[in-house]
Amino acid sequence: QQCCSTRNGPEHLWIQRGTNLQTQRVVRDIVFLVDGSSYIGSSNLPYVQEFMKNVVNQLDVRPDRVQIGLMQFAEHPRIEFYLNTHRTRQEVLDSIAQLRLTGGSVLNTGAAMNYALANMFQSSAGSRRRQGIQQVLVLITGGPAQDEVKRIADKVALGGVLTFTVSSGQADEGLMRTVAFVPNLAYHERSQFFSEFSQN
């Protein structure tokens, strides 16, 4: 099962497992929004980290090419680092490796997406949206959203942000397809674990 899609178009990340890419041609601002609840938990965190690292390792991370930001959420959202915090791939990888989940069983996914739009995809946080650079949100979750998500997803899309969803376990697959910018940008593994997504 593919974790990401390769297409010839500005709306795609151009990342695919096991594919050598001309990463110098990719210019994106990418924010990972990670479920920090017990639905992921410490046992699945390494798989989530490996998935993010695999994506980052295929991209030319530097201020004039690809910028990476990271948030986690459960009941409340938390910014780990902004788009303009790190200037190299290695700095991003090191921060991903240090991620520790907040825990809890409440998942306010819509509120977290709204927070990302208001606080991550802004010029002050490093966003190049005003320069016409594609803005990408990668939502990674393993549990059911407990607040309004679809309306917020529409707001995020209208804000010029392309949303991918990567879900597993108890996440609502149907909802994730409506949250993604288009349904084929939603990737769901029915098992409890993210191990499939993390593989090269």
C-alpha atoms as a PDB file:
ATOM      1  CA  GLN A   1       0.000   0.000   0.000  1.00  0.00           C
ATOM      2  CA  GLN A   2       1.409   3.337  -1.031  1.00  0.00           C
ATOM      3  CA  CYS A   3       1.894   5.925   1.658  1.00  0.00           C
ATOM      4  CA  CYS A   4       2.209   8.780  -0.741  1.00  0.00           C
ATOM      5  CA  SER A   5       1.462   9.503  -4.358  1.00  0.00           C
ATOM      6  CA  THR A   6       3.536  10.502  -7.347  1.00  0.00           C
ATOM      7  CA  ARG A   7       1.747  12.525 -10.007  1.00  0.00           C
ATOM      8  CA  ASN A   8       2.698  15.109 -12.589  1.00  0.00           C
ATOM      9  CA  GLY A   9       0.924  18.129 -11.177  1.00  0.00           C
ATOM     10  CA  PRO A  10       1.363  21.019  -8.774  1.00  0.00           C
ATOM     11  CA  GLU A  11      -1.182  19.573  -6.353  1.00  0.00           C
ATOM     12  CA  HIS A  12       0.968  16.577  -5.420  1.00  0.00           C
ATOM     13  CA  LEU A  13       3.980  16.090  -3.179  1.00  0.00           C
ATOM     14  CA  TRP A  14       5.829  13.975  -5.739  1.00  0.00           C
ATOM     15  CA  ILE A  15       6.905  11.505  -3.090  1.00  0.00           C
ATOM     16  CA  GLN A  16       6.605   7.773  -3.378  1.00  0.00           C
ATOM     17  CA  ARG A  17       8.180   4.907  -1.529  1.00  0.00           C
ATOM     18  CA  GLY A  18      11.141   3.353  -3.275  1.00  0.00           C
ATOM     19  CA  THR A  19      11.391   5.992  -5.990  1.00  0.00           C
ATOM     20  CA  ASN A  20      14.452   8.075  -6.745  1.00  0.00           C
ATOM     21  CA  LEU A  21      13.258  11.603  -7.306  1.00  0.00           C
ATOM     22  CA  GLN A  22      14.682  14.781  -8.727  1.00  0.00           C
ATOM     23  CA  THR A  23      14.099  16.457  -5.397  1.00  0.00           C
ATOM     24  CA  GLN A  24      15.709  19.712  -6.493  1.00  0.00           C
ATOM     25  CA  ARG A  25      12.571  20.469  -8.507  1.00  0.00           C
ATOM     26  CA  VAL A  26      10.207  20.189  -5.528  1.00  0.00           C
ATOM     27  CA  VAL A  27       9.331  23.429  -3.732  1.00  0.00           C
ATOM     28  CA  ARG A  28       6.859  23.034  -0.863  1.00  0.00           C
ATOM     29  CA  ASP A  29       5.954  24.099   2.654  1.00  0.00           C
ATOM     30  CA  ILE A  30       4.939  20.887   4.425  1.00  0.00           C
ATOM     31  CA  VAL A  31       3.455  20.659   7.914  1.00  0.00           C
ATOM     32  CA  PHE A  32       3.047  17.290   9.625  1.00  0.00           C
ATOM     33  CA  LEU A  33       0.105  17.243  12.055  1.00  0.00           C
ATOM     34  CA  VAL A  34       0.548  14.169  14.248  1.00  0.00           C
ATOM     35  CA  ASP A  35      -2.009  12.532  16.529  1.00  0.00           C
ATOM     36  CA  GLY A  36      -0.308  12.676  19.938  1.00  0.00           C
ATOM     37  CA  SER A  37      -3.009  10.726  21.765  1.00  0.00           C
ATOM     38  CA  SER A  38      -3.062   7.229  23.190  1.00  0.00           C
ATOM     39  CA  TYR A  39      -4.578   6.053  19.889  1.00  0.00           C
ATOM     40  CA  ILE A  40      -1.054   6.269  18.480  1.00  0.00           C
ATOM     41  CA  GLY A  41       0.797   5.717  21.742  1.00  0.00           C
ATOM     42  CA  SER A  42       4.459   5.106  22.404  1.00  0.00           C
ATOM     43  CA  SER A  43       4.372   1.693  20.707  1.00  0.00           C
ATOM     44  CA  ASN A  44       3.387   3.211  17.361  1.00  0.00           C
ATOM     45  CA  LEU A  45       5.410   6.418  17.634  1.00  0.00           C
ATOM     46  CA  PRO A  46       8.538   4.870  16.036  1.00  0.00           C
ATOM     47  CA  TYR A  47       6.503   3.925  12.957  1.00  0.00           C
ATOM     48  CA  VAL A  48       5.096   7.437  12.669  1.00  0.00           C
ATOM     49  CA  GLN A  49       8.559   8.925  13.073  1.00  0.00           C
ATOM     50  CA  GLU A  50       9.955   6.569  10.441  1.00  0.00           C
ATOM     51  CA  PHE A  51       7.192   7.530   8.017  1.00  0.00           C
ATOM     52  CA  MET A  52       7.973  11.223   8.448  1.00  0.00           C
ATOM     53  CA  LYS A  53      11.710  10.597   8.123  1.00  0.00           C
ATOM     54  CA  ASN A  54      11.168   8.657   4.901  1.00  0.00           C
ATOM     55  CA  VAL A  55       9.265  11.602   3.447  1.00  0.00           C
ATOM     56  CA  VAL A  56      11.845  14.150   4.608  1.00  0.00           C
ATOM     57  CA  ASN A  57      14.749  12.073   3.288  1.00  0.00           C
ATOM     58  CA  GLN A  58      13.315  12.306  -0.229  1.00  0.00           C
ATOM     59  CA  LEU A  59      13.126  16.092  -0.166  1.00  0.00           C
ATOM     60  CA  ASP A  60      15.643  18.900  -0.579  1.00  0.00           C
ATOM     61  CA  VAL A  61      15.106  20.636   2.767  1.00  0.00           C
ATOM     62  CA  ARG A  62      16.380  24.219   2.771  1.00  0.00           C
ATOM     63  CA  PRO A  63      14.765  27.649   2.920  1.00  0.00           C
ATOM     64  CA  ASP A  64      14.441  28.105  -0.857  1.00  0.00           C
ATOM     65  CA  ARG A  65      13.199  24.568  -1.572  1.00  0.00           C
ATOM     66  CA  VAL A  66      11.249  22.464   0.935  1.00  0.00           C
ATOM     67  CA  GLN A  67      10.455  23.642   4.446  1.00  0.00           C
ATOM     68  CA  ILE A  68       9.079  21.296   7.107  1.00  0.00           C
ATOM     69  CA  GLY A  69       6.994  22.085  10.184  1.00  0.00           C
ATOM     70  CA  LEU A  70       5.653  19.754  12.864  1.00  0.00           C
ATOM     71  CA  MET A  71       2.666  19.867  15.206  1.00  0.00           C
ATOM     72  CA  GLN A  72       1.031  17.286  17.409  1.00  0.00           C
ATOM     73  CA  PHE A  73      -2.466  17.281  18.848  1.00  0.00           C
ATOM     74  CA  ALA A  74      -4.803  15.448  21.171  1.00  0.00           C
ATOM     75  CA  GLU A  75      -7.259  17.526  23.189  1.00  0.00           C
ATOM     76  CA  HIS A  76      -5.108  20.574  22.421  1.00  0.00           C
ATOM     77  CA  PRO A  77      -2.648  21.313  19.597  1.00  0.00           C
ATOM     78  CA  ARG A  78       1.053  21.866  20.201  1.00  0.00           C
ATOM     79  CA  ILE A  79       3.645  23.237  17.810  1.00  0.00           C
ATOM     80  CA  GLU A  80       6.916  21.283  17.823  1.00  0.00           C
ATOM     81  CA  PHE A  81       8.679  23.448  15.244  1.00  0.00           C
ATOM     82  CA  TYR A  82       7.729  26.012  12.614  1.00  0.00           C
ATOM     83  CA  LEU A  83       8.418  25.962   8.887  1.00  0.00           C
ATOM     84  CA  ASN A  84      11.303  28.380   9.379  1.00  0.00           C
ATOM     85  CA  THR A  85      12.766  26.764  12.508  1.00  0.00           C
ATOM     86  CA  HIS A  86      15.108  24.361  10.708  1.00  0.00           C
ATOM     87  CA  ARG A  87      17.207  25.100   7.637  1.00  0.00           C
ATOM     88  CA  THR A  88      18.584  21.620   6.877  1.00  0.00           C
ATOM     89  CA  ARG A  89      17.252  18.109   6.454  1.00  0.00           C
ATOM     90  CA  GLN A  90      19.364  16.823   9.336  1.00  0.00           C
ATOM     91  CA  GLU A  91      17.953  19.401  11.747  1.00  0.00           C
ATOM     92  CA  VAL A  92      14.428  18.314  10.812  1.00  0.00           C
ATOM     93  CA  LEU A  93      15.289  14.622  11.199  1.00  0.00           C
ATOM     94  CA  ASP A  94      16.863  15.245  14.606  1.00  0.00           C
ATOM     95  CA  SER A  95      13.747  17.061  15.834  1.00  0.00           C
ATOM     96  CA  ILE A  96      11.446  14.319  14.540  1.00  0.00           C
ATOM     97  CA  ALA A  97      13.545  11.774  16.441  1.00  0.00           C
ATOM     98  CA  GLN A  98      13.022  13.767  19.646  1.00  0.00           C
ATOM     99  CA  LEU A  99       9.219  13.857  19.340  1.00  0.00           C
ATOM    100  CA  ARG A 100       7.363  12.676  22.438  1.00  0.00           C
ATOM    101  CA  LEU A 101       3.588  12.355  22.397  1.00  0.00           C
ATOM    102  CA  THR A 102       1.386  14.293  24.797  1.00  0.00           C
ATOM    103  CA  GLY A 103      -1.033  11.384  25.364  1.00  0.00           C
ATOM    104  CA  GLY A 104      -4.699  11.500  26.283  1.00  0.00           C
ATOM    105  CA  SER A 105      -7.803  10.012  24.689  1.00  0.00           C
ATOM    106  CA  VAL A 106      -9.515  13.154  23.339  1.00  0.00           C
ATOM    107  CA  LEU A 107      -8.820  14.008  19.689  1.00  0.00           C
ATOM    108  CA  ASN A 108      -9.877  17.482  18.602  1.00  0.00           C
ATOM    109  CA  THR A 109      -8.740  17.057  15.018  1.00  0.00           C
ATOM    110  CA  GLY A 110     -10.699  19.957  13.571  1.00  0.00           C
ATOM    111  CA  ALA A 111      -9.398  22.383  16.175  1.00  0.00           C
ATOM    112  CA  ALA A 112      -5.852  21.227  15.455  1.00  0.00           C
ATOM    113  CA  MET A 113      -6.260  21.756  11.712  1.00  0.00           C
ATOM    114  CA  ASN A 114      -7.687  25.207  12.339  1.00  0.00           C
ATOM    115  CA  TYR A 115      -4.751  25.994  14.642  1.00  0.00           C
ATOM    116  CA  ALA A 116      -2.313  24.853  11.968  1.00  0.00           C
ATOM    117  CA  LEU A 117      -3.933  27.142   9.401  1.00  0.00           C
ATOM    118  CA  ALA A 118      -3.823  30.117  11.762  1.00  0.00           C
ATOM    119  CA  ASN A 119      -0.350  29.560  13.193  1.00  0.00           C
ATOM    120  CA  MET A 120       1.770  27.460  10.817  1.00  0.00           C
ATOM    121  CA  PHE A 121       0.705  28.592   7.357  1.00  0.00           C
ATOM    122  CA  GLN A 122       1.581  32.220   8.062  1.00  0.00           C
ATOM    123  CA  SER A 123       4.483  34.349   6.848  1.00  0.00           C
ATOM    124  CA  SER A 124       5.706  34.840  10.426  1.00  0.00           C
ATOM    125  CA  ALA A 125       6.078  31.044  10.753  1.00  0.00           C
ATOM    126  CA  GLY A 126       7.952  30.744   7.465  1.00  0.00           C
ATOM    127  CA  SER A 127       5.059  30.068   5.108  1.00  0.00           C
ATOM    128  CA  ARG A 128       5.641  31.152   1.519  1.00  0.00           C
ATOM    129  CA  ARG A 129       1.960  30.976   0.607  1.00  0.00           C
ATOM    130  CA  ARG A 130       1.948  34.603  -0.536  1.00  0.00           C
ATOM    131  CA  GLN A 131       4.762  33.791  -2.965  1.00  0.00           C
ATOM    132  CA  GLY A 132       2.632  31.073  -4.512  1.00  0.00           C
ATOM    133  CA  ILE A 133       4.486  28.116  -2.983  1.00  0.00           C
ATOM    134  CA  GLN A 134       2.297  25.030  -2.494  1.00  0.00           C
ATOM    135  CA  GLN A 135       1.233  24.589   1.130  1.00  0.00           C
ATOM    136  CA  VAL A 136       0.774  20.998   2.315  1.00  0.00           C
ATOM    137  CA  LEU A 137      -0.713  19.598   5.527  1.00  0.00           C
ATOM    138  CA  VAL A 138      -0.077  15.908   6.274  1.00  0.00           C
ATOM    139  CA  LEU A 139      -2.531  14.730   8.937  1.00  0.00           C
ATOM    140  CA  ILE A 140      -1.413  11.507  10.654  1.00  0.00           C
ATOM    141  CA  THR A 141      -3.954   9.959  13.021  1.00  0.00           C
ATOM    142  CA  GLY A 142      -4.952   6.673  14.609  1.00  0.00           C
ATOM    143  CA  GLY A 143      -8.197   7.589  16.342  1.00  0.00           C
ATOM    144  CA  PRO A 144     -11.663   9.091  15.795  1.00  0.00           C
ATOM    145  CA  ALA A 145     -12.056  12.857  15.687  1.00  0.00           C
ATOM    146  CA  GLN A 146     -14.233  14.183  18.489  1.00  0.00           C
ATOM    147  CA  ASP A 147     -15.013  17.604  17.082  1.00  0.00           C
ATOM    148  CA  GLU A 148     -16.144  19.199  13.810  1.00  0.00           C
ATOM    149  CA  VAL A 149     -13.640  18.340  11.082  1.00  0.00           C
ATOM    150  CA  LYS A 150     -15.242  18.606   7.630  1.00  0.00           C
ATOM    151  CA  ARG A 151     -16.058  22.309   7.885  1.00  0.00           C
ATOM    152  CA  ILE A 152     -12.530  23.033   9.082  1.00  0.00           C
ATOM    153  CA  ALA A 153     -11.067  20.906   6.283  1.00  0.00           C
ATOM    154  CA  ASP A 154     -13.010  23.007   3.786  1.00  0.00           C
ATOM    155  CA  LYS A 155     -11.666  26.164   5.440  1.00  0.00           C
ATOM    156  CA  VAL A 156      -8.107  24.820   5.204  1.00  0.00           C
ATOM    157  CA  ALA A 157      -8.605  24.043   1.507  1.00  0.00           C
ATOM    158  CA  LEU A 158     -10.015  27.511   0.856  1.00  0.00           C
ATOM    159  CA  GLY A 159      -6.932  28.854   2.628  1.00  0.00           C
ATOM    160  CA  GLY A 160      -4.792  27.357  -0.115  1.00  0.00           C
ATOM    161  CA  VAL A 161      -3.531  24.328   1.820  1.00  0.00           C
ATOM    162  CA  LEU A 162      -3.491  20.832   0.307  1.00  0.00           C
ATOM    163  CA  THR A 163      -4.333  18.194   2.925  1.00  0.00           C
ATOM    164  CA  PHE A 164      -3.120  14.595   2.825  1.00  0.00           C
ATOM    165  CA  THR A 165      -4.395  12.153   5.444  1.00  0.00           C
ATOM    166  CA  VAL A 166      -2.533   9.092   6.702  1.00  0.00           C
ATOM    167  CA  SER A 167      -4.662   7.077   9.114  1.00  0.00           C
ATOM    168  CA  SER A 168      -4.772   3.736  10.860  1.00  0.00           C
ATOM    169  CA  GLY A 169      -6.529   1.820  13.598  1.00  0.00           C
ATOM    170  CA  GLN A 170      -9.690   3.481  14.890  1.00  0.00           C
ATOM    171  CA  ALA A 171      -9.538   6.522  12.622  1.00  0.00           C
ATOM    172  CA  ASP A 172     -12.690   7.018  10.525  1.00  0.00           C
ATOM    173  CA  GLU A 173     -11.550   6.133   7.006  1.00  0.00           C
ATOM    174  CA  GLY A 174     -14.598   7.712   5.389  1.00  0.00           C
ATOM    175  CA  LEU A 175     -14.092  10.970   7.256  1.00  0.00           C
ATOM    176  CA  MET A 176     -10.406  11.026   6.351  1.00  0.00           C
ATOM    177  CA  ARG A 177     -11.358  10.794   2.676  1.00  0.00           C
ATOM    178  CA  THR A 178     -13.522  13.885   3.046  1.00  0.00           C
ATOM    179  CA  VAL A 179     -10.809  15.701   5.002  1.00  0.00           C
ATOM    180  CA  ALA A 180      -8.183  15.063   2.322  1.00  0.00           C
ATOM    181  CA  PHE A 181      -8.094  17.636  -0.477  1.00  0.00           C
ATOM    182  CA  VAL A 182      -9.383  14.907  -2.789  1.00  0.00           C
ATOM    183  CA  PRO A 183     -10.250  11.332  -1.705  1.00  0.00           C
ATOM    184  CA  ASN A 184      -7.214   9.725  -3.358  1.00  0.00           C
ATOM    185  CA  LEU A 185      -4.966  11.764  -1.059  1.00  0.00           C
ATOM    186  CA  ALA A 186      -6.259   9.730   1.906  1.00  0.00           C
ATOM    187  CA  TYR A 187      -4.261   6.655   2.889  1.00  0.00           C
ATOM    188  CA  HIS A 188      -5.662   4.260   5.476  1.00  0.00           C
ATOM    189  CA  GLU A 189      -4.290   1.069   6.994  1.00  0.00           C
ATOM    190  CA  ARG A 190      -6.980  -0.969   8.713  1.00  0.00           C
ATOM    191  CA  SER A 191      -4.689  -2.564  11.274  1.00  0.00           C
ATOM    192  CA  GLN A 192      -3.840  -0.807  14.520  1.00  0.00           C
ATOM    193  CA  PHE A 193      -0.281  -0.130  13.525  1.00  0.00           C
ATOM    194  CA  PHE A 194       1.489   2.249  11.158  1.00  0.00           C
ATOM    195  CA  SER A 195       4.226  -0.250  10.315  1.00  0.00           C
ATOM    196  CA  GLU A 196       3.145  -0.550   6.671  1.00  0.00           C
ATOM    197  CA  PHE A 197       3.399   3.186   6.119  1.00  0.00           C
ATOM    198  CA  SER A 198       6.881   3.373   7.595  1.00  0.00           C
ATOM    199  CA  GLN A 199       8.465   0.812   5.288  1.00  0.00           C
ATOM    200  CA  ASN A 200      10.708   1.801   2.415  1.00  0.00           C
END
